[in-house]
Amino acid sequence: MHVEPKTAIRVAVGALVSFIAIRFVAREWQAISTAAGSLKPDWSGLLIASLCVVAGYAVLILAWRELLTTWQSTLSPIDAVRIWFVSSLGKYIPGKLWSVGAMAILAKEAGASPVAATGSAVIMQLVNIAAGFTVIAVAGAGELFAAYPFLRSAAWATLALSAAGLAVGPQLLNWSVRAATRLVRQPEIALPRIGRRTLVIVYGANVAAWLAYGVGFGLFWSSLLGHGVGISTAALAVYTASYLLGFLAIFAPGGIGVREAVLAALLISLRLATPADAALLAAASRVWLTVLEVVPGLLLLPGISLRRRPSISTPDGPPA
């Protein structure tokens, strides 16, 4: 039986991501089951917490589609959801560029411009990091900054860069691409004119997504343990800080290990949780988020061979 190379690659990717996720969950499950024997979680609260995270994903997908339209390259809502979740599986493979590359390939198969998909994905990543540090700058301007001055410096520096990016970002982007193409002696890529309105929308969407994640984490915390700070700036700050530091750790696929260590350390040092509760919450939240991130992608992976739309002209090159 002949198997297409693309199908074989997708099966291999699915198997690799499944192995990494299952191995991690199995390792953490022992710690969770040992510490959680006396817990009586609020399942309705956990469901609402999960819906908050999913709402954050939905906002980001909408923002990504908004960026794609700037390139005169569109995807249907269904295609965008599929590509977003399947390409997100790349986060669980060592290295940080797999998800961007997968997004470009899958978008091209769906009839969109691969340059548009890649460019918009890179912009989304940069804006997401900037928005995350903006949230930390606002939510963590208390005990968190007093305990961790480097976070204060990073947050306020990123906030200043974000303001500059919103003001001169489009011009700087075009200048950088022109300079890079001249340096490598390649033809210039015709970039779209990304207006400030689009950047503001994308930036606001990413801030909203971080807020949704923070609310979800606060609800997860109180619903799992039966106590905690719940929906609060403290939950928002420690969650966002741990997630970003895990993401920026290039060697850690999906931030595994780093995010949990940072989250537990923040909870303990800020006296938000006991060491036992912090360890349980860090492990359980990782399993929870891994399920919410990986399961949709794995479920959508077999059907990702999307019907190709008719070729369309795009401003960044030949027809898609």
Protein backbone atom coordinates (compact mmCIF):
# COMPACT_ATOMS: atom_id res chain seq x y z
CA MET A 1 0.00 0.00 0.00
CA HIS A 2 1.42 3.34 -1.09
CA VAL A 3 1.59 6.01 1.61
CA GLU A 4 2.06 9.62 0.58
CA PRO A 5 5.12 11.32 2.11
CA LYS A 6 2.96 14.07 3.63
CA THR A 7 0.77 11.49 5.34
CA ALA A 8 3.82 9.66 6.67
CA ILE A 9 5.26 12.91 8.02
CA ARG A 10 1.99 13.78 9.76
CA VAL A 11 1.78 10.33 11.31
CA ALA A 12 5.37 10.67 12.52
CA VAL A 13 4.71 14.13 13.96
CA GLY A 14 1.55 12.93 15.67
CA ALA A 15 3.39 9.95 17.13
CA LEU A 16 6.29 12.11 18.37
CA VAL A 17 4.04 14.72 19.98
CA SER A 18 1.88 11.99 21.53
CA PHE A 19 4.99 10.30 22.96
CA ILE A 20 6.29 13.54 24.47
CA ALA A 21 2.91 14.51 25.91
CA ILE A 22 2.04 11.05 27.25
CA ARG A 23 5.49 10.61 28.74
CA PHE A 24 5.25 13.93 30.54
CA VAL A 25 1.68 13.35 31.74
CA ALA A 26 2.61 9.88 33.00
CA ARG A 27 5.59 11.28 34.88
CA GLU A 28 3.53 14.04 36.48
CA TRP A 29 0.51 11.84 37.14
CA GLN A 30 2.32 9.92 39.88
CA ALA A 31 3.05 13.14 41.76
CA ILE A 32 -0.51 14.36 41.22
CA SER A 33 -2.18 11.14 42.33
CA THR A 34 0.01 10.90 45.43
CA ALA A 35 -0.73 14.47 46.55
CA ALA A 36 -4.33 14.66 45.40
CA GLY A 37 -5.82 11.78 47.34
CA SER A 38 -7.83 14.07 49.61
CA LEU A 39 -8.88 16.56 46.94
CA LYS A 40 -12.49 17.04 45.91
CA PRO A 41 -12.25 19.18 42.78
CA ASP A 42 -15.12 21.34 41.59
CA TRP A 43 -15.68 19.84 38.14
CA SER A 44 -17.98 22.63 36.99
CA GLY A 45 -15.30 25.15 37.93
CA LEU A 46 -12.66 23.15 36.04
CA LEU A 47 -14.94 23.11 32.99
CA ILE A 48 -15.40 26.89 33.13
CA ALA A 49 -11.63 27.31 33.53
CA SER A 50 -11.09 25.20 30.41
CA LEU A 51 -13.64 27.25 28.48
CA CYS A 52 -11.73 30.42 29.42
CA VAL A 53 -8.54 29.00 27.91
CA VAL A 54 -10.38 27.89 24.77
CA ALA A 55 -11.86 31.40 24.51
CA GLY A 56 -8.30 32.74 24.58
CA TYR A 57 -7.40 30.43 21.69
CA ALA A 58 -10.44 31.65 19.74
CA VAL A 59 -9.44 35.28 20.17
CA LEU A 60 -5.94 34.55 18.88
CA ILE A 61 -7.25 32.68 15.85
CA LEU A 62 -9.47 35.64 14.99
CA ALA A 63 -6.50 37.98 15.32
CA TRP A 64 -4.41 35.74 13.06
CA ARG A 65 -7.13 35.77 10.40
CA GLU A 66 -7.23 39.57 10.68
CA LEU A 67 -3.50 39.68 9.95
CA LEU A 68 -3.89 37.33 7.00
CA THR A 69 -6.42 39.65 5.38
CA THR A 70 -3.73 42.34 5.38
CA TRP A 71 -1.86 40.12 2.93
CA GLN A 72 -5.07 39.70 0.91
CA SER A 73 -4.90 36.05 1.90
CA THR A 74 -7.81 34.52 3.74
CA LEU A 75 -8.74 31.23 5.36
CA SER A 76 -12.17 29.97 6.29
CA PRO A 77 -12.85 29.78 10.05
CA ILE A 78 -12.73 25.98 9.94
CA ASP A 79 -9.41 25.91 8.07
CA ALA A 80 -7.94 28.51 10.43
CA VAL A 81 -8.94 26.49 13.52
CA ARG A 82 -7.50 23.28 12.07
CA ILE A 83 -4.23 24.89 11.02
CA TRP A 84 -3.86 26.74 14.32
CA PHE A 85 -4.24 23.66 16.51
CA VAL A 86 -2.28 21.27 14.30
CA SER A 87 0.63 23.69 13.87
CA SER A 88 0.62 24.27 17.64
CA LEU A 89 1.74 20.66 18.05
CA GLY A 90 5.13 21.89 16.83
CA LYS A 91 5.64 23.56 20.21
CA TYR A 92 6.13 20.13 21.73
CA ILE A 93 9.02 19.28 19.40
CA PRO A 94 12.43 20.61 20.50
CA GLY A 95 13.07 23.96 18.85
CA LYS A 96 10.73 26.91 18.56
CA LEU A 97 10.26 27.23 14.79
CA TRP A 98 8.36 24.03 13.99
CA SER A 99 4.94 25.53 14.61
CA VAL A 100 5.64 28.49 12.32
CA GLY A 101 6.89 26.22 9.55
CA ALA A 102 3.91 23.91 9.91
CA MET A 103 1.54 26.85 9.77
CA ALA A 104 3.08 28.02 6.47
CA ILE A 105 2.87 24.56 4.88
CA LEU A 106 -0.69 23.88 5.99
CA ALA A 107 -1.89 27.36 5.00
CA LYS A 108 -0.43 26.86 1.53
CA GLU A 109 -2.31 23.57 1.21
CA ALA A 110 -5.49 25.37 2.22
CA GLY A 111 -5.01 27.91 -0.57
CA ALA A 112 -3.46 30.77 1.41
CA SER A 113 -0.09 32.35 0.76
CA PRO A 114 2.72 30.62 2.70
CA VAL A 115 4.57 33.94 3.02
CA ALA A 116 1.43 35.49 4.49
CA ALA A 117 0.99 32.58 6.89
CA THR A 118 4.63 32.67 8.00
CA GLY A 119 4.80 36.45 8.29
CA SER A 120 1.56 36.69 10.22
CA ALA A 121 2.60 33.82 12.52
CA VAL A 122 5.92 35.53 13.33
CA ILE A 123 4.16 38.82 14.02
CA MET A 124 1.64 37.03 16.22
CA GLN A 125 4.45 35.44 18.24
CA LEU A 126 6.22 38.77 18.77
CA VAL A 127 3.02 40.59 19.66
CA ASN A 128 1.99 37.76 22.00
CA ILE A 129 5.25 38.05 23.94
CA ALA A 130 4.91 41.84 24.09
CA ALA A 131 1.30 41.60 25.25
CA GLY A 132 2.25 39.04 27.89
CA PHE A 133 4.91 41.28 29.39
CA THR A 134 2.44 44.16 29.25
CA VAL A 135 0.05 42.11 31.39
CA ILE A 136 2.88 41.36 33.82
CA ALA A 137 3.76 45.05 33.97
CA VAL A 138 0.22 45.88 35.07
CA ALA A 139 -0.72 42.82 37.12
CA GLY A 140 2.65 42.21 38.74
CA ALA A 141 3.47 45.74 39.86
CA GLY A 142 3.54 44.71 43.51
CA GLU A 143 5.13 41.82 45.37
CA LEU A 144 6.12 40.08 42.13
CA PHE A 145 8.33 42.97 41.01
CA ALA A 146 9.69 43.47 44.50
CA ALA A 147 10.77 39.83 44.63
CA TYR A 148 11.96 39.59 41.03
CA PRO A 149 13.40 42.90 39.78
CA PHE A 150 14.46 41.35 36.45
CA LEU A 151 10.80 40.73 35.65
CA ARG A 152 10.04 44.37 36.35
CA SER A 153 12.84 45.45 34.01
CA ALA A 154 11.76 43.04 31.29
CA ALA A 155 8.09 43.97 31.61
CA TRP A 156 8.59 47.75 31.47
CA ALA A 157 11.19 47.51 28.70
CA THR A 158 8.80 45.38 26.64
CA LEU A 159 5.96 47.80 27.36
CA ALA A 160 8.08 50.67 26.02
CA LEU A 161 9.03 48.64 22.94
CA SER A 162 5.37 47.76 22.41
CA ALA A 163 4.40 51.40 22.41
CA ALA A 164 7.19 52.13 19.91
CA GLY A 165 6.12 49.17 17.80
CA LEU A 166 2.54 50.36 17.63
CA ALA A 167 3.78 53.80 16.60
CA VAL A 168 6.43 52.92 14.00
CA GLY A 169 6.14 49.13 13.66
CA PRO A 170 4.90 49.00 10.05
CA GLN A 171 7.65 51.31 8.79
CA LEU A 172 10.31 49.45 10.79
CA LEU A 173 9.13 46.10 9.47
CA ASN A 174 9.34 47.22 5.85
CA TRP A 175 12.75 48.82 6.40
CA SER A 176 14.11 45.66 8.08
CA VAL A 177 12.94 43.39 5.26
CA ARG A 178 14.38 45.68 2.58
CA ALA A 179 17.72 45.83 4.42
CA ALA A 180 17.80 42.05 4.88
CA THR A 181 17.00 41.30 1.23
CA ARG A 182 19.74 43.70 0.07
CA LEU A 183 22.20 42.12 2.48
CA VAL A 184 21.62 38.62 1.11
CA ARG A 185 21.23 39.95 -2.46
CA GLN A 186 17.77 38.56 -2.95
CA PRO A 187 14.73 40.16 -4.63
CA GLU A 188 12.69 42.30 -2.27
CA ILE A 189 9.53 40.77 -0.84
CA ALA A 190 6.49 42.97 -1.28
CA LEU A 191 5.07 43.23 2.21
CA PRO A 192 1.55 44.40 2.93
CA ARG A 193 0.91 47.73 4.53
CA ILE A 194 0.04 46.77 8.09
CA GLY A 195 -1.81 49.72 9.52
CA ARG A 196 -1.79 50.81 13.14
CA ARG A 197 -5.43 49.83 13.42
CA THR A 198 -4.56 46.21 12.57
CA LEU A 199 -1.63 46.21 14.99
CA VAL A 200 -3.79 47.63 17.76
CA ILE A 201 -6.46 44.99 17.12
CA VAL A 202 -3.89 42.19 17.16
CA TYR A 203 -2.19 43.60 20.25
CA GLY A 204 -5.52 43.99 22.06
CA ALA A 205 -6.53 40.46 21.09
CA ASN A 206 -3.33 39.06 22.57
CA VAL A 207 -3.82 41.01 25.80
CA ALA A 208 -7.40 39.68 25.96
CA ALA A 209 -6.09 36.13 25.43
CA TRP A 210 -3.62 36.49 28.31
CA LEU A 211 -6.42 37.77 30.52
CA ALA A 212 -8.57 34.77 29.57
CA TYR A 213 -5.71 32.42 30.41
CA GLY A 214 -5.14 34.14 33.74
CA VAL A 215 -8.82 33.94 34.67
CA GLY A 216 -8.85 30.29 33.62
CA PHE A 217 -5.80 29.54 35.73
CA GLY A 218 -7.30 31.29 38.75
CA LEU A 219 -10.50 29.27 38.40
CA PHE A 220 -8.50 26.06 37.90
CA TRP A 221 -6.50 26.81 41.05
CA SER A 222 -9.51 27.37 43.31
CA SER A 223 -11.57 24.58 41.71
CA LEU A 224 -8.79 22.00 42.09
CA LEU A 225 -7.57 22.82 45.59
CA GLY A 226 -10.75 24.28 47.05
CA HIS A 227 -8.82 27.39 48.09
CA GLY A 228 -6.38 29.90 46.66
CA VAL A 229 -6.40 33.42 45.29
CA GLY A 230 -8.90 32.57 42.52
CA ILE A 231 -9.48 35.20 39.85
CA SER A 232 -6.92 37.85 40.80
CA THR A 233 -4.01 39.87 39.53
CA ALA A 234 -1.70 37.54 41.47
CA ALA A 235 -2.92 34.48 39.55
CA LEU A 236 -2.70 36.40 36.29
CA ALA A 237 0.86 37.61 36.99
CA VAL A 238 2.37 34.30 38.09
CA TYR A 239 0.69 32.35 35.30
CA THR A 240 1.78 34.79 32.58
CA ALA A 241 5.33 35.07 33.90
CA SER A 242 5.79 31.30 34.14
CA TYR A 243 4.31 30.71 30.69
CA LEU A 244 6.48 33.33 29.01
CA LEU A 245 9.69 32.16 30.67
CA GLY A 246 8.85 28.60 29.64
CA PHE A 247 8.20 29.71 26.08
CA LEU A 248 11.45 31.66 25.90
CA ALA A 249 13.43 28.61 27.08
CA ILE A 250 14.45 27.42 23.61
CA PHE A 251 15.71 24.03 24.81
CA ALA A 252 12.39 23.06 26.44
CA PRO A 253 9.69 21.76 24.07
CA GLY A 254 6.42 23.43 25.02
CA GLY A 255 8.24 24.97 27.99
CA ILE A 256 7.99 21.59 29.75
CA GLY A 257 9.85 21.62 33.04
CA VAL A 258 10.75 25.30 32.97
CA ARG A 259 7.20 26.60 33.24
CA GLU A 260 6.36 24.29 36.14
CA ALA A 261 9.56 25.14 38.02
CA VAL A 262 8.99 28.87 37.59
CA LEU A 263 5.32 28.64 38.56
CA ALA A 264 6.05 26.65 41.72
CA ALA A 265 8.89 29.01 42.67
CA LEU A 266 6.72 32.09 42.20
CA LEU A 267 3.84 30.64 44.19
CA ILE A 268 6.12 29.69 47.09
CA SER A 269 8.27 32.83 47.15
CA LEU A 270 5.23 35.12 47.01
CA ARG A 271 3.54 33.04 49.74
CA LEU A 272 0.57 32.33 47.54
CA ALA A 273 0.72 28.58 48.19
CA THR A 274 2.48 26.05 50.37
CA PRO A 275 5.30 24.04 48.75
CA ALA A 276 3.01 20.98 48.53
CA ASP A 277 0.15 22.94 46.95
CA ALA A 278 2.53 24.76 44.60
CA ALA A 279 4.03 21.49 43.35
CA LEU A 280 0.58 19.96 42.87
CA LEU A 281 -0.78 23.03 41.12
CA ALA A 282 2.23 23.29 38.79
CA ALA A 283 2.02 19.62 37.77
CA ALA A 284 -1.77 19.54 37.47
CA SER A 285 -1.96 22.77 35.48
CA ARG A 286 0.63 21.45 33.03
CA VAL A 287 -1.39 18.28 32.46
CA TRP A 288 -4.55 20.37 32.08
CA LEU A 289 -3.02 22.76 29.55
CA THR A 290 -1.27 19.97 27.66
CA VAL A 291 -4.60 18.22 27.17
CA LEU A 292 -6.24 21.46 25.99
CA GLU A 293 -3.39 22.18 23.54
CA VAL A 294 -2.47 18.74 22.25
CA VAL A 295 -5.74 16.80 22.08
CA PRO A 296 -7.46 19.16 19.57
CA GLY A 297 -4.39 19.13 17.35
CA LEU A 298 -4.11 15.34 17.39
CA LEU A 299 -7.82 14.95 16.68
CA LEU A 300 -7.62 17.35 13.74
CA LEU A 301 -4.33 16.00 12.37
CA PRO A 302 -5.76 13.08 10.33
CA GLY A 303 -8.15 15.38 8.45
CA ILE A 304 -5.72 18.20 7.83
CA SER A 305 -5.40 17.41 4.12
CA LEU A 306 -7.71 20.26 3.32
CA ARG A 307 -9.34 20.78 -0.02
CA ARG A 308 -7.26 23.25 -1.92
CA ARG A 309 -9.00 26.40 -3.03
CA PRO A 310 -8.41 27.84 -6.50
CA SER A 311 -5.11 29.64 -6.81
CA ILE A 312 -5.29 33.30 -5.85
CA SER A 313 -2.87 36.09 -6.52
CA THR A 314 -1.11 37.44 -3.51
CA PRO A 315 1.04 40.53 -3.08
CA ASP A 316 4.05 38.56 -1.89
CA GLY A 317 4.80 36.35 -4.83
CA PRO A 318 3.30 33.90 -7.33
CA PRO A 319 -0.20 32.54 -6.96
CA ALA A 320 -0.70 30.52 -3.81
